[in-house]
Amino acid sequence: MWLGVVYLAYLGFKILFDRNGGITLPGGGDTAGPDYRRLFRQGLFVNLLNPKIALFFMAFLPQFVDAEKGSIALQMLFFGSLFNAGGLLWVLFLAILFGAIGNRFAGATGIWGWQR
């Protein structure tokens, strides 16, 4: 748990003390685009080091498991996968929605200053 806290604090301090606040302004000369591998690694570490996810699954999923209907581990895996598939659909919807909103406001430099 503390490892996750330290990692999130590191990310927060990195953004706070970055010259641009971790934001690349449009037209700022960054033509390479975002480093998707770095972003994926950050997201993966944040989720793996988050104890709330494990606690949620240990508290929420067992109420749907019936020992008389087969393997408990297999039922937990099924319900966990079902939950993750629903979460994936929701996150994809949000990514598409806010990606479109971000593209619409990409040229508005005043918004970037306000966000900072």
PDB file of N, CA and C in Angstrom:
ATOM      1  N   MET A   1       0.816  -1.181   0.000  1.00  0.00           N
ATOM      2  CA  MET A   1       0.000   0.000   0.000  1.00  0.00           C
ATOM      3  C   MET A   1       0.868   1.255   0.000  1.00  0.00           C
ATOM      4  N   TRP A   2       1.901   1.271   0.851  1.00  0.00           N
ATOM      5  CA  TRP A   2       2.736   2.469   0.942  1.00  0.00           C
ATOM      6  C   TRP A   2       3.518   2.706  -0.336  1.00  0.00           C
ATOM      7  N   LEU A   3       3.832   1.628  -1.042  1.00  0.00           N
ATOM      8  CA  LEU A   3       4.528   1.786  -2.314  1.00  0.00           C
ATOM      9  C   LEU A   3       3.647   2.558  -3.302  1.00  0.00           C
ATOM     10  N   GLY A   4       2.365   2.273  -3.307  1.00  0.00           N
ATOM     11  CA  GLY A   4       1.430   2.994  -4.159  1.00  0.00           C
ATOM     12  C   GLY A   4       1.312   4.462  -3.764  1.00  0.00           C
ATOM     13  N   VAL A   5       1.311   4.725  -2.465  1.00  0.00           N
ATOM     14  CA  VAL A   5       1.242   6.101  -1.978  1.00  0.00           C
ATOM     15  C   VAL A   5       2.468   6.879  -2.422  1.00  0.00           C
ATOM     16  N   VAL A   6       3.639   6.253  -2.290  1.00  0.00           N
ATOM     17  CA  VAL A   6       4.885   6.917  -2.683  1.00  0.00           C
ATOM     18  C   VAL A   6       4.887   7.185  -4.183  1.00  0.00           C
ATOM     19  N   TYR A   7       4.421   6.226  -4.980  1.00  0.00           N
ATOM     20  CA  TYR A   7       4.412   6.411  -6.431  1.00  0.00           C
ATOM     21  C   TYR A   7       3.462   7.540  -6.846  1.00  0.00           C
ATOM     22  N   LEU A   8       2.280   7.587  -6.251  1.00  0.00           N
ATOM     23  CA  LEU A   8       1.340   8.665  -6.570  1.00  0.00           C
ATOM     24  C   LEU A   8       1.880  10.022  -6.122  1.00  0.00           C
ATOM     25  N   ALA A   9       2.548  10.067  -4.980  1.00  0.00           N
ATOM     26  CA  ALA A   9       3.160  11.319  -4.533  1.00  0.00           C
ATOM     27  C   ALA A   9       4.261  11.749  -5.501  1.00  0.00           C
ATOM     28  N   TYR A  10       5.044  10.790  -5.977  1.00  0.00           N
ATOM     29  CA  TYR A  10       6.091  11.090  -6.956  1.00  0.00           C
ATOM     30  C   TYR A  10       5.482  11.708  -8.220  1.00  0.00           C
ATOM     31  N   LEU A  11       4.412  11.103  -8.737  1.00  0.00           N
ATOM     32  CA  LEU A  11       3.760  11.644  -9.934  1.00  0.00           C
ATOM     33  C   LEU A  11       3.218  13.047  -9.675  1.00  0.00           C
ATOM     34  N   GLY A  12       2.627  13.266  -8.507  1.00  0.00           N
ATOM     35  CA  GLY A  12       2.089  14.577  -8.177  1.00  0.00           C
ATOM     36  C   GLY A  12       3.177  15.638  -8.107  1.00  0.00           C
ATOM     37  N   PHE A  13       4.282  15.335  -7.431  1.00  0.00           N
ATOM     38  CA  PHE A  13       5.376  16.299  -7.333  1.00  0.00           C
ATOM     39  C   PHE A  13       6.009  16.550  -8.693  1.00  0.00           C
ATOM     40  N   LYS A  14       6.079  15.508  -9.503  1.00  0.00           N
ATOM     41  CA  LYS A  14       6.653  15.665 -10.844  1.00  0.00           C
ATOM     42  C   LYS A  14       5.821  16.655 -11.667  1.00  0.00           C
ATOM     43  N   ILE A  15       4.510  16.557 -11.575  1.00  0.00           N
ATOM     44  CA  ILE A  15       3.640  17.470 -12.314  1.00  0.00           C
ATOM     45  C   ILE A  15       3.693  18.875 -11.721  1.00  0.00           C
ATOM     46  N   LEU A  16       3.690  18.977 -10.383  1.00  0.00           N
ATOM     47  CA  LEU A  16       3.708  20.295  -9.747  1.00  0.00           C
ATOM     48  C   LEU A  16       4.971  21.089 -10.064  1.00  0.00           C
ATOM     49  N   PHE A  17       6.103  20.411 -10.104  1.00  0.00           N
ATOM     50  CA  PHE A  17       7.356  21.121 -10.291  1.00  0.00           C
ATOM     51  C   PHE A  17       7.857  21.106 -11.721  1.00  0.00           C
ATOM     52  N   ASP A  18       7.079  20.548 -12.627  1.00  0.00           N
ATOM     53  CA  ASP A  18       7.423  20.604 -14.042  1.00  0.00           C
ATOM     54  C   ASP A  18       7.150  22.017 -14.547  1.00  0.00           C
ATOM     55  N   ARG A  19       7.950  22.470 -15.469  1.00  0.00           N
ATOM     56  CA  ARG A  19       7.833  23.843 -15.978  1.00  0.00           C
ATOM     57  C   ARG A  19       6.450  24.104 -16.557  1.00  0.00           C
ATOM     58  N   ASN A  20       5.883  23.139 -17.269  1.00  0.00           N
ATOM     59  CA  ASN A  20       4.564  23.314 -17.877  1.00  0.00           C
ATOM     60  C   ASN A  20       3.470  22.608 -17.084  1.00  0.00           C
ATOM     61  N   GLY A  21       3.790  22.120 -15.937  1.00  0.00           N
ATOM     62  CA  GLY A  21       2.795  21.395 -15.155  1.00  0.00           C
ATOM     63  C   GLY A  21       2.427  20.065 -15.767  1.00  0.00           C
ATOM     64  N   GLY A  22       3.359  19.470 -16.536  1.00  0.00           N
ATOM     65  CA  GLY A  22       3.096  18.192 -17.163  1.00  0.00           C
ATOM     66  C   GLY A  22       2.222  18.299 -18.391  1.00  0.00           C
ATOM     67  N   ILE A  23       1.930  19.525 -18.820  1.00  0.00           N
ATOM     68  CA  ILE A  23       1.050  19.751 -19.958  1.00  0.00           C
ATOM     69  C   ILE A  23       1.883  20.258 -21.121  1.00  0.00           C
ATOM     70  N   THR A  24       1.718  19.630 -22.265  1.00  0.00           N
ATOM     71  CA  THR A  24       2.362  20.129 -23.470  1.00  0.00           C
ATOM     72  C   THR A  24       1.363  21.026 -24.178  1.00  0.00           C
ATOM     73  N   LEU A  25       1.705  22.293 -24.260  1.00  0.00           N
ATOM     74  CA  LEU A  25       0.799  23.247 -24.889  1.00  0.00           C
ATOM     75  C   LEU A  25       0.762  23.039 -26.390  1.00  0.00           C
ATOM     76  N   PRO A  26      -0.395  23.230 -27.019  1.00  0.00           N
ATOM     77  CA  PRO A  26      -0.480  23.096 -28.462  1.00  0.00           C
ATOM     78  C   PRO A  26       0.464  24.086 -29.136  1.00  0.00           C
ATOM     79  N   GLY A  27       1.159  23.614 -30.160  1.00  0.00           N
ATOM     80  CA  GLY A  27       2.094  24.469 -30.884  1.00  0.00           C
ATOM     81  C   GLY A  27       3.366  24.715 -30.109  1.00  0.00           C
ATOM     82  N   GLY A  28       3.618  23.908 -29.071  1.00  0.00           N
ATOM     83  CA  GLY A  28       4.792  24.109 -28.230  1.00  0.00           C
ATOM     84  C   GLY A  28       6.048  23.491 -28.804  1.00  0.00           C
ATOM     85  N   GLY A  29       6.008  23.015 -30.033  1.00  0.00           N
ATOM     86  CA  GLY A  29       7.187  22.452 -30.665  1.00  0.00           C
ATOM     87  C   GLY A  29       7.350  20.964 -30.415  1.00  0.00           C
ATOM     88  N   ASP A  30       6.464  20.346 -29.679  1.00  0.00           N
ATOM     89  CA  ASP A  30       6.557  18.912 -29.409  1.00  0.00           C
ATOM     90  C   ASP A  30       5.847  18.170 -30.525  1.00  0.00           C
ATOM     91  N   THR A  31       6.608  17.780 -31.546  1.00  0.00           N
ATOM     92  CA  THR A  31       6.000  17.116 -32.701  1.00  0.00           C
ATOM     93  C   THR A  31       6.026  15.603 -32.571  1.00  0.00           C
ATOM     94  N   ALA A  32       6.725  15.087 -31.561  1.00  0.00           N
ATOM     95  CA  ALA A  32       6.839  13.642 -31.402  1.00  0.00           C
ATOM     96  C   ALA A  32       5.538  13.015 -30.910  1.00  0.00           C
ATOM     97  N   GLY A  33       4.701  13.778 -30.254  1.00  0.00           N
ATOM     98  CA  GLY A  33       3.463  13.240 -29.711  1.00  0.00           C
ATOM     99  C   GLY A  33       3.712  12.585 -28.364  1.00  0.00           C
ATOM    100  N   PRO A  34       2.653  12.089 -27.734  1.00  0.00           N
ATOM    101  CA  PRO A  34       2.807  11.490 -26.411  1.00  0.00           C
ATOM    102  C   PRO A  34       3.528  10.151 -26.484  1.00  0.00           C
ATOM    103  N   ASP A  35       4.230   9.817 -25.416  1.00  0.00           N
ATOM    104  CA  ASP A  35       4.907   8.525 -25.310  1.00  0.00           C
ATOM    105  C   ASP A  35       3.906   7.537 -24.716  1.00  0.00           C
ATOM    106  N   TYR A  36       3.251   6.774 -25.575  1.00  0.00           N
ATOM    107  CA  TYR A  36       2.175   5.888 -25.122  1.00  0.00           C
ATOM    108  C   TYR A  36       2.683   4.770 -24.226  1.00  0.00           C
ATOM    109  N   ARG A  37       3.901   4.320 -24.436  1.00  0.00           N
ATOM    110  CA  ARG A  37       4.455   3.275 -23.558  1.00  0.00           C
ATOM    111  C   ARG A  37       4.617   3.797 -22.141  1.00  0.00           C
ATOM    112  N   ARG A  38       5.116   5.028 -22.022  1.00  0.00           N
ATOM    113  CA  ARG A  38       5.296   5.623 -20.691  1.00  0.00           C
ATOM    114  C   ARG A  38       3.938   5.827 -20.023  1.00  0.00           C
ATOM    115  N   LEU A  39       2.966   6.296 -20.773  1.00  0.00           N
ATOM    116  CA  LEU A  39       1.628   6.487 -20.219  1.00  0.00           C
ATOM    117  C   LEU A  39       1.003   5.167 -19.785  1.00  0.00           C
ATOM    118  N   PHE A  40       1.205   4.118 -20.591  1.00  0.00           N
ATOM    119  CA  PHE A  40       0.674   2.803 -20.234  1.00  0.00           C
ATOM    120  C   PHE A  40       1.333   2.286 -18.959  1.00  0.00           C
ATOM    121  N   ARG A  41       2.666   2.431 -18.860  1.00  0.00           N
ATOM    122  CA  ARG A  41       3.386   1.983 -17.661  1.00  0.00           C
ATOM    123  C   ARG A  41       2.891   2.722 -16.425  1.00  0.00           C
ATOM    124  N   GLN A  42       2.693   4.033 -16.547  1.00  0.00           N
ATOM    125  CA  GLN A  42       2.199   4.795 -15.403  1.00  0.00           C
ATOM    126  C   GLN A  42       0.824   4.297 -14.960  1.00  0.00           C
ATOM    127  N   GLY A  43      -0.065   4.104 -15.923  1.00  0.00           N
ATOM    128  CA  GLY A  43      -1.398   3.606 -15.582  1.00  0.00           C
ATOM    129  C   GLY A  43      -1.362   2.221 -14.978  1.00  0.00           C
ATOM    130  N   LEU A  44      -0.492   1.365 -15.507  1.00  0.00           N
ATOM    131  CA  LEU A  44      -0.365   0.011 -14.983  1.00  0.00           C
ATOM    132  C   LEU A  44       0.135   0.027 -13.549  1.00  0.00           C
ATOM    133  N   PHE A  45       1.167   0.822 -13.265  1.00  0.00           N
ATOM    134  CA  PHE A  45       1.699   0.891 -11.907  1.00  0.00           C
ATOM    135  C   PHE A  45       0.683   1.471 -10.932  1.00  0.00           C
ATOM    136  N   VAL A  46      -0.046   2.479 -11.349  1.00  0.00           N
ATOM    137  CA  VAL A  46      -1.047   3.067 -10.464  1.00  0.00           C
ATOM    138  C   VAL A  46      -2.100   2.028 -10.106  1.00  0.00           C
ATOM    139  N   ASN A  47      -2.547   1.247 -11.075  1.00  0.00           N
ATOM    140  CA  ASN A  47      -3.578   0.245 -10.796  1.00  0.00           C
ATOM    141  C   ASN A  47      -3.049  -0.946 -10.016  1.00  0.00           C
ATOM    142  N   LEU A  48      -1.830  -1.387 -10.313  1.00  0.00           N
ATOM    143  CA  LEU A  48      -1.279  -2.528  -9.586  1.00  0.00           C
ATOM    144  C   LEU A  48      -0.957  -2.189  -8.139  1.00  0.00           C
ATOM    145  N   LEU A  49      -0.595  -0.962  -7.876  1.00  0.00           N
ATOM    146  CA  LEU A  49      -0.227  -0.558  -6.524  1.00  0.00           C
ATOM    147  C   LEU A  49      -1.401   0.023  -5.740  1.00  0.00           C
ATOM    148  N   ASN A  50      -2.606  -0.089  -6.280  1.00  0.00           N
ATOM    149  CA  ASN A  50      -3.790   0.455  -5.637  1.00  0.00           C
ATOM    150  C   ASN A  50      -4.475  -0.643  -4.816  1.00  0.00           C
ATOM    151  N   PRO A  51      -4.386  -0.600  -3.497  1.00  0.00           N
ATOM    152  CA  PRO A  51      -4.987  -1.666  -2.686  1.00  0.00           C
ATOM    153  C   PRO A  51      -6.513  -1.630  -2.683  1.00  0.00           C
ATOM    154  N   LYS A  52      -7.115  -0.508  -3.060  1.00  0.00           N
ATOM    155  CA  LYS A  52      -8.574  -0.425  -3.046  1.00  0.00           C
ATOM    156  C   LYS A  52      -9.200  -1.397  -4.034  1.00  0.00           C
ATOM    157  N   ILE A  53      -8.520  -1.675  -5.132  1.00  0.00           N
ATOM    158  CA  ILE A  53      -9.069  -2.590  -6.137  1.00  0.00           C
ATOM    159  C   ILE A  53      -9.182  -3.999  -5.551  1.00  0.00           C
ATOM    160  N   ALA A  54      -8.116  -4.462  -4.900  1.00  0.00           N
ATOM    161  CA  ALA A  54      -8.148  -5.800  -4.300  1.00  0.00           C
ATOM    162  C   ALA A  54      -9.194  -5.863  -3.189  1.00  0.00           C
ATOM    163  N   LEU A  55      -9.266  -4.823  -2.369  1.00  0.00           N
ATOM    164  CA  LEU A  55     -10.263  -4.810  -1.294  1.00  0.00           C
ATOM    165  C   LEU A  55     -11.689  -4.802  -1.849  1.00  0.00           C
ATOM    166  N   PHE A  56     -11.890  -4.068  -2.938  1.00  0.00           N
ATOM    167  CA  PHE A  56     -13.211  -4.029  -3.553  1.00  0.00           C
ATOM    168  C   PHE A  56     -13.622  -5.420  -4.024  1.00  0.00           C
ATOM    169  N   PHE A  57     -12.717  -6.091  -4.737  1.00  0.00           N
ATOM    170  CA  PHE A  57     -13.065  -7.411  -5.255  1.00  0.00           C
ATOM    171  C   PHE A  57     -13.263  -8.420  -4.133  1.00  0.00           C
ATOM    172  N   MET A  58     -12.473  -8.330  -3.067  1.00  0.00           N
ATOM    173  CA  MET A  58     -12.637  -9.274  -1.953  1.00  0.00           C
ATOM    174  C   MET A  58     -13.934  -9.020  -1.192  1.00  0.00           C
ATOM    175  N   ALA A  59     -14.427  -7.789  -1.192  1.00  0.00           N
ATOM    176  CA  ALA A  59     -15.652  -7.480  -0.461  1.00  0.00           C
ATOM    177  C   ALA A  59     -16.905  -7.618  -1.321  1.00  0.00           C
ATOM    178  N   PHE A  60     -16.784  -7.336  -2.609  1.00  0.00           N
ATOM    179  CA  PHE A  60     -17.960  -7.255  -3.470  1.00  0.00           C
ATOM    180  C   PHE A  60     -18.301  -8.575  -4.158  1.00  0.00           C
ATOM    181  N   LEU A  61     -17.310  -9.232  -4.741  1.00  0.00           N
ATOM    182  CA  LEU A  61     -17.597 -10.409  -5.558  1.00  0.00           C
ATOM    183  C   LEU A  61     -18.073 -11.641  -4.797  1.00  0.00           C
ATOM    184  N   PRO A  62     -17.597 -11.921  -3.586  1.00  0.00           N
ATOM    185  CA  PRO A  62     -18.039 -13.159  -2.915  1.00  0.00           C
ATOM    186  C   PRO A  62     -19.542 -13.266  -2.702  1.00  0.00           C
ATOM    187  N   GLN A  63     -20.252 -12.159  -2.644  1.00  0.00           N
ATOM    188  CA  GLN A  63     -21.696 -12.250  -2.428  1.00  0.00           C
ATOM    189  C   GLN A  63     -22.436 -12.836  -3.629  1.00  0.00           C
ATOM    190  N   PHE A  64     -21.768 -12.903  -4.792  1.00  0.00           N
ATOM    191  CA  PHE A  64     -22.389 -13.473  -5.984  1.00  0.00           C
ATOM    192  C   PHE A  64     -21.955 -14.912  -6.242  1.00  0.00           C
ATOM    193  N   VAL A  65     -21.034 -15.410  -5.457  1.00  0.00           N
ATOM    194  CA  VAL A  65     -20.497 -16.765  -5.653  1.00  0.00           C
ATOM    195  C   VAL A  65     -21.348 -17.758  -4.871  1.00  0.00           C
ATOM    196  N   ASP A  66     -21.682 -18.862  -5.540  1.00  0.00           N
ATOM    197  CA  ASP A  66     -22.441 -19.934  -4.914  1.00  0.00           C
ATOM    198  C   ASP A  66     -21.589 -21.194  -4.956  1.00  0.00           C
ATOM    199  N   ALA A  67     -21.178 -21.683  -3.803  1.00  0.00           N
ATOM    200  CA  ALA A  67     -20.285 -22.842  -3.725  1.00  0.00           C
ATOM    201  C   ALA A  67     -20.923 -24.098  -4.308  1.00  0.00           C
ATOM    202  N   GLU A  68     -22.242 -24.153  -4.336  1.00  0.00           N
ATOM    203  CA  GLU A  68     -22.932 -25.335  -4.857  1.00  0.00           C
ATOM    204  C   GLU A  68     -22.946 -25.376  -6.381  1.00  0.00           C
ATOM    205  N   LYS A  69     -22.579 -24.287  -7.038  1.00  0.00           N
ATOM    206  CA  LYS A  69     -22.645 -24.232  -8.492  1.00  0.00           C
ATOM    207  C   LYS A  69     -21.296 -24.434  -9.166  1.00  0.00           C
ATOM    208  N   GLY A  70     -20.309 -24.910  -8.445  1.00  0.00           N
ATOM    209  CA  GLY A  70     -19.011 -25.194  -9.065  1.00  0.00           C
ATOM    210  C   GLY A  70     -17.863 -24.516  -8.348  1.00  0.00           C
ATOM    211  N   SER A  71     -16.770 -24.432  -9.064  1.00  0.00           N
ATOM    212  CA  SER A  71     -15.528 -23.904  -8.517  1.00  0.00           C
ATOM    213  C   SER A  71     -15.674 -22.429  -8.109  1.00  0.00           C
ATOM    214  N   ILE A  72     -15.300 -22.154  -6.877  1.00  0.00           N
ATOM    215  CA  ILE A  72     -15.375 -20.786  -6.378  1.00  0.00           C
ATOM    216  C   ILE A  72     -14.384 -19.900  -7.123  1.00  0.00           C
ATOM    217  N   ALA A  73     -13.181 -20.417  -7.353  1.00  0.00           N
ATOM    218  CA  ALA A  73     -12.155 -19.634  -8.056  1.00  0.00           C
ATOM    219  C   ALA A  73     -12.602 -19.295  -9.475  1.00  0.00           C
ATOM    220  N   LEU A  74     -13.232 -20.256 -10.144  1.00  0.00           N
ATOM    221  CA  LEU A  74     -13.697 -20.024 -11.508  1.00  0.00           C
ATOM    222  C   LEU A  74     -14.829 -18.997 -11.534  1.00  0.00           C
ATOM    223  N   GLN A  75     -15.724 -19.061 -10.558  1.00  0.00           N
ATOM    224  CA  GLN A  75     -16.796 -18.077 -10.481  1.00  0.00           C
ATOM    225  C   GLN A  75     -16.248 -16.674 -10.195  1.00  0.00           C
ATOM    226  N   MET A  76     -15.265 -16.585  -9.297  1.00  0.00           N
ATOM    227  CA  MET A  76     -14.648 -15.287  -9.003  1.00  0.00           C
ATOM    228  C   MET A  76     -13.953 -14.736 -10.244  1.00  0.00           C
ATOM    229  N   LEU A  77     -13.273 -15.606 -10.972  1.00  0.00           N
ATOM    230  CA  LEU A  77     -12.605 -15.181 -12.200  1.00  0.00           C
ATOM    231  C   LEU A  77     -13.627 -14.688 -13.225  1.00  0.00           C
ATOM    232  N   PHE A  78     -14.741 -15.393 -13.358  1.00  0.00           N
ATOM    233  CA  PHE A  78     -15.789 -14.991 -14.288  1.00  0.00           C
ATOM    234  C   PHE A  78     -16.370 -13.629 -13.915  1.00  0.00           C
ATOM    235  N   PHE A  79     -16.745 -13.476 -12.643  1.00  0.00           N
ATOM    236  CA  PHE A  79     -17.353 -12.209 -12.223  1.00  0.00           C
ATOM    237  C   PHE A  79     -16.349 -11.055 -12.297  1.00  0.00           C
ATOM    238  N   GLY A  80     -15.087 -11.323 -11.956  1.00  0.00           N
ATOM    239  CA  GLY A  80     -14.062 -10.300 -12.076  1.00  0.00           C
ATOM    240  C   GLY A  80     -13.849  -9.888 -13.522  1.00  0.00           C
ATOM    241  N   SER A  81     -13.847 -10.868 -14.429  1.00  0.00           N
ATOM    242  CA  SER A  81     -13.690 -10.570 -15.857  1.00  0.00           C
ATOM    243  C   SER A  81     -14.892  -9.800 -16.392  1.00  0.00           C
ATOM    244  N   LEU A  82     -16.077 -10.181 -15.948  1.00  0.00           N
ATOM    245  CA  LEU A  82     -17.288  -9.473 -16.367  1.00  0.00           C
ATOM    246  C   LEU A  82     -17.254  -8.013 -15.899  1.00  0.00           C
ATOM    247  N   PHE A  83     -16.842  -7.807 -14.665  1.00  0.00           N
ATOM    248  CA  PHE A  83     -16.721  -6.451 -14.131  1.00  0.00           C
ATOM    249  C   PHE A  83     -15.689  -5.653 -14.930  1.00  0.00           C
ATOM    250  N   ASN A  84     -14.551  -6.264 -15.231  1.00  0.00           N
ATOM    251  CA  ASN A  84     -13.505  -5.572 -15.982  1.00  0.00           C
ATOM    252  C   ASN A  84     -13.933  -5.276 -17.417  1.00  0.00           C
ATOM    253  N   ALA A  85     -14.699  -6.161 -18.032  1.00  0.00           N
ATOM    254  CA  ALA A  85     -15.186  -5.907 -19.390  1.00  0.00           C
ATOM    255  C   ALA A  85     -16.135  -4.713 -19.402  1.00  0.00           C
ATOM    256  N   GLY A  86     -17.023  -4.641 -18.407  1.00  0.00           N
ATOM    257  CA  GLY A  86     -17.912  -3.487 -18.300  1.00  0.00           C
ATOM    258  C   GLY A  86     -17.134  -2.209 -18.048  1.00  0.00           C
ATOM    259  N   GLY A  87     -16.129  -2.290 -17.192  1.00  0.00           N
ATOM    260  CA  GLY A  87     -15.283  -1.127 -16.928  1.00  0.00           C
ATOM    261  C   GLY A  87     -14.528  -0.686 -18.162  1.00  0.00           C
ATOM    262  N   LEU A  88     -14.061  -1.658 -18.953  1.00  0.00           N
ATOM    263  CA  LEU A  88     -13.340  -1.335 -20.187  1.00  0.00           C
ATOM    264  C   LEU A  88     -14.246  -0.585 -21.158  1.00  0.00           C
ATOM    265  N   LEU A  89     -15.484  -1.043 -21.306  1.00  0.00           N
ATOM    266  CA  LEU A  89     -16.424  -0.344 -22.191  1.00  0.00           C
ATOM    267  C   LEU A  89     -16.664   1.088 -21.722  1.00  0.00           C
ATOM    268  N   TRP A  90     -16.805   1.272 -20.424  1.00  0.00           N
ATOM    269  CA  TRP A  90     -17.041   2.607 -19.880  1.00  0.00           C
ATOM    270  C   TRP A  90     -15.834   3.506 -20.111  1.00  0.00           C
ATOM    271  N   VAL A  91     -14.633   2.980 -19.857  1.00  0.00           N
ATOM    272  CA  VAL A  91     -13.423   3.785 -20.030  1.00  0.00           C
ATOM    273  C   VAL A  91     -13.202   4.121 -21.506  1.00  0.00           C
ATOM    274  N   LEU A  92     -13.503   3.180 -22.397  1.00  0.00           N
ATOM    275  CA  LEU A  92     -13.383   3.479 -23.824  1.00  0.00           C
ATOM    276  C   LEU A  92     -14.362   4.576 -24.242  1.00  0.00           C
ATOM    277  N   PHE A  93     -15.570   4.518 -23.731  1.00  0.00           N
ATOM    278  CA  PHE A  93     -16.551   5.571 -24.010  1.00  0.00           C
ATOM    279  C   PHE A  93     -16.039   6.929 -23.533  1.00  0.00           C
ATOM    280  N   LEU A  94     -15.499   6.966 -22.312  1.00  0.00           N
ATOM    281  CA  LEU A  94     -14.977   8.225 -21.786  1.00  0.00           C
ATOM    282  C   LEU A  94     -13.782   8.716 -22.600  1.00  0.00           C
ATOM    283  N   ALA A  95     -12.913   7.799 -23.016  1.00  0.00           N
ATOM    284  CA  ALA A  95     -11.738   8.191 -23.805  1.00  0.00           C
ATOM    285  C   ALA A  95     -12.159   8.801 -25.138  1.00  0.00           C
ATOM    286  N   ILE A  96     -13.126   8.192 -25.788  1.00  0.00           N
ATOM    287  CA  ILE A  96     -13.600   8.712 -27.075  1.00  0.00           C
ATOM    288  C   ILE A  96     -14.287  10.066 -26.880  1.00  0.00           C
ATOM    289  N   LEU A  97     -15.134  10.162 -25.863  1.00  0.00           N
ATOM    290  CA  LEU A  97     -15.850  11.408 -25.596  1.00  0.00           C
ATOM    291  C   LEU A  97     -14.894  12.550 -25.286  1.00  0.00           C
ATOM    292  N   PHE A  98     -14.005  12.333 -24.328  1.00  0.00           N
ATOM    293  CA  PHE A  98     -13.118  13.421 -23.918  1.00  0.00           C
ATOM    294  C   PHE A  98     -11.990  13.642 -24.912  1.00  0.00           C
ATOM    295  N   GLY A  99     -11.658  12.639 -25.707  1.00  0.00           N
ATOM    296  CA  GLY A  99     -10.725  12.859 -26.804  1.00  0.00           C
ATOM    297  C   GLY A  99     -11.317  13.818 -27.822  1.00  0.00           C
ATOM    298  N   ALA A 100     -12.603  13.640 -28.137  1.00  0.00           N
ATOM    299  CA  ALA A 100     -13.277  14.550 -29.073  1.00  0.00           C
ATOM    300  C   ALA A 100     -13.368  15.959 -28.491  1.00  0.00           C
ATOM    301  N   ILE A 101     -13.678  16.049 -27.188  1.00  0.00           N
ATOM    302  CA  ILE A 101     -13.736  17.363 -26.540  1.00  0.00           C
ATOM    303  C   ILE A 101     -12.352  18.001 -26.536  1.00  0.00           C
ATOM    304  N   GLY A 102     -11.318  17.223 -26.252  1.00  0.00           N
ATOM    305  CA  GLY A 102      -9.954  17.747 -26.251  1.00  0.00           C
ATOM    306  C   GLY A 102      -9.522  18.227 -27.621  1.00  0.00           C
ATOM    307  N   ASN A 103      -9.901  17.492 -28.659  1.00  0.00           N
ATOM    308  CA  ASN A 103      -9.567  17.917 -30.016  1.00  0.00           C
ATOM    309  C   ASN A 103     -10.267  19.236 -30.371  1.00  0.00           C
ATOM    310  N   ARG A 104     -11.473  19.384 -29.869  1.00  0.00           N
ATOM    311  CA  ARG A 104     -12.223  20.611 -30.162  1.00  0.00           C
ATOM    312  C   ARG A 104     -11.560  21.831 -29.521  1.00  0.00           C
ATOM    313  N   PHE A 105     -11.022  21.656 -28.314  1.00  0.00           N
ATOM    314  CA  PHE A 105     -10.416  22.771 -27.593  1.00  0.00           C
ATOM    315  C   PHE A 105      -8.896  22.827 -27.740  1.00  0.00           C
ATOM    316  N   ALA A 106      -8.312  22.022 -28.606  1.00  0.00           N
ATOM    317  CA  ALA A 106      -6.852  21.958 -28.726  1.00  0.00           C
ATOM    318  C   ALA A 106      -6.243  23.290 -29.136  1.00  0.00           C
ATOM    319  N   GLY A 107      -6.924  24.060 -29.943  1.00  0.00           N
ATOM    320  CA  GLY A 107      -6.380  25.336 -30.400  1.00  0.00           C
ATOM    321  C   GLY A 107      -6.635  26.488 -29.460  1.00  0.00           C
ATOM    322  N   ALA A 108      -7.434  26.291 -28.429  1.00  0.00           N
ATOM    323  CA  ALA A 108      -7.784  27.370 -27.498  1.00  0.00           C
ATOM    324  C   ALA A 108      -6.749  27.424 -26.393  1.00  0.00           C
ATOM    325  N   THR A 109      -5.715  28.243 -26.575  1.00  0.00           N
ATOM    326  CA  THR A 109      -4.627  28.306 -25.591  1.00  0.00           C
ATOM    327  C   THR A 109      -5.074  28.867 -24.247  1.00  0.00           C
ATOM    328  N   GLY A 110      -6.128  29.653 -24.221  1.00  0.00           N
ATOM    329  CA  GLY A 110      -6.638  30.184 -22.951  1.00  0.00           C
ATOM    330  C   GLY A 110      -7.120  29.085 -22.026  1.00  0.00           C
ATOM    331  N   ILE A 111      -7.671  28.040 -22.591  1.00  0.00           N
ATOM    332  CA  ILE A 111      -8.152  26.903 -21.789  1.00  0.00           C
ATOM    333  C   ILE A 111      -6.976  26.219 -21.105  1.00  0.00           C
ATOM    334  N   TRP A 112      -5.850  26.086 -21.797  1.00  0.00           N
ATOM    335  CA  TRP A 112      -4.675  25.416 -21.205  1.00  0.00           C
ATOM    336  C   TRP A 112      -4.156  26.204 -20.016  1.00  0.00           C
ATOM    337  N   GLY A 113      -4.133  27.522 -20.130  1.00  0.00           N
ATOM    338  CA  GLY A 113      -3.694  28.341 -19.008  1.00  0.00           C
ATOM    339  C   GLY A 113      -4.641  28.235 -17.832  1.00  0.00           C
ATOM    340  N   TRP A 114      -5.933  28.209 -18.106  1.00  0.00           N
ATOM    341  CA  TRP A 114      -6.934  28.066 -17.059  1.00  0.00           C
ATOM    342  C   TRP A 114      -6.804  26.704 -16.360  1.00  0.00           C
ATOM    343  N   GLN A 115      -6.548  25.653 -17.142  1.00  0.00           N
ATOM    344  CA  GLN A 115      -6.400  24.321 -16.577  1.00  0.00           C
ATOM    345  C   GLN A 115      -5.195  24.250 -15.669  1.00  0.00           C
ATOM    346  N   ARG A 116      -4.112  24.882 -16.063  1.00  0.00           N
ATOM    347  CA  ARG A 116      -2.890  24.875 -15.271  1.00  0.00           C
ATOM    348  C   ARG A 116      -3.155  25.537 -13.934  1.00  0.00           C
TER     349      ARG A 116
END
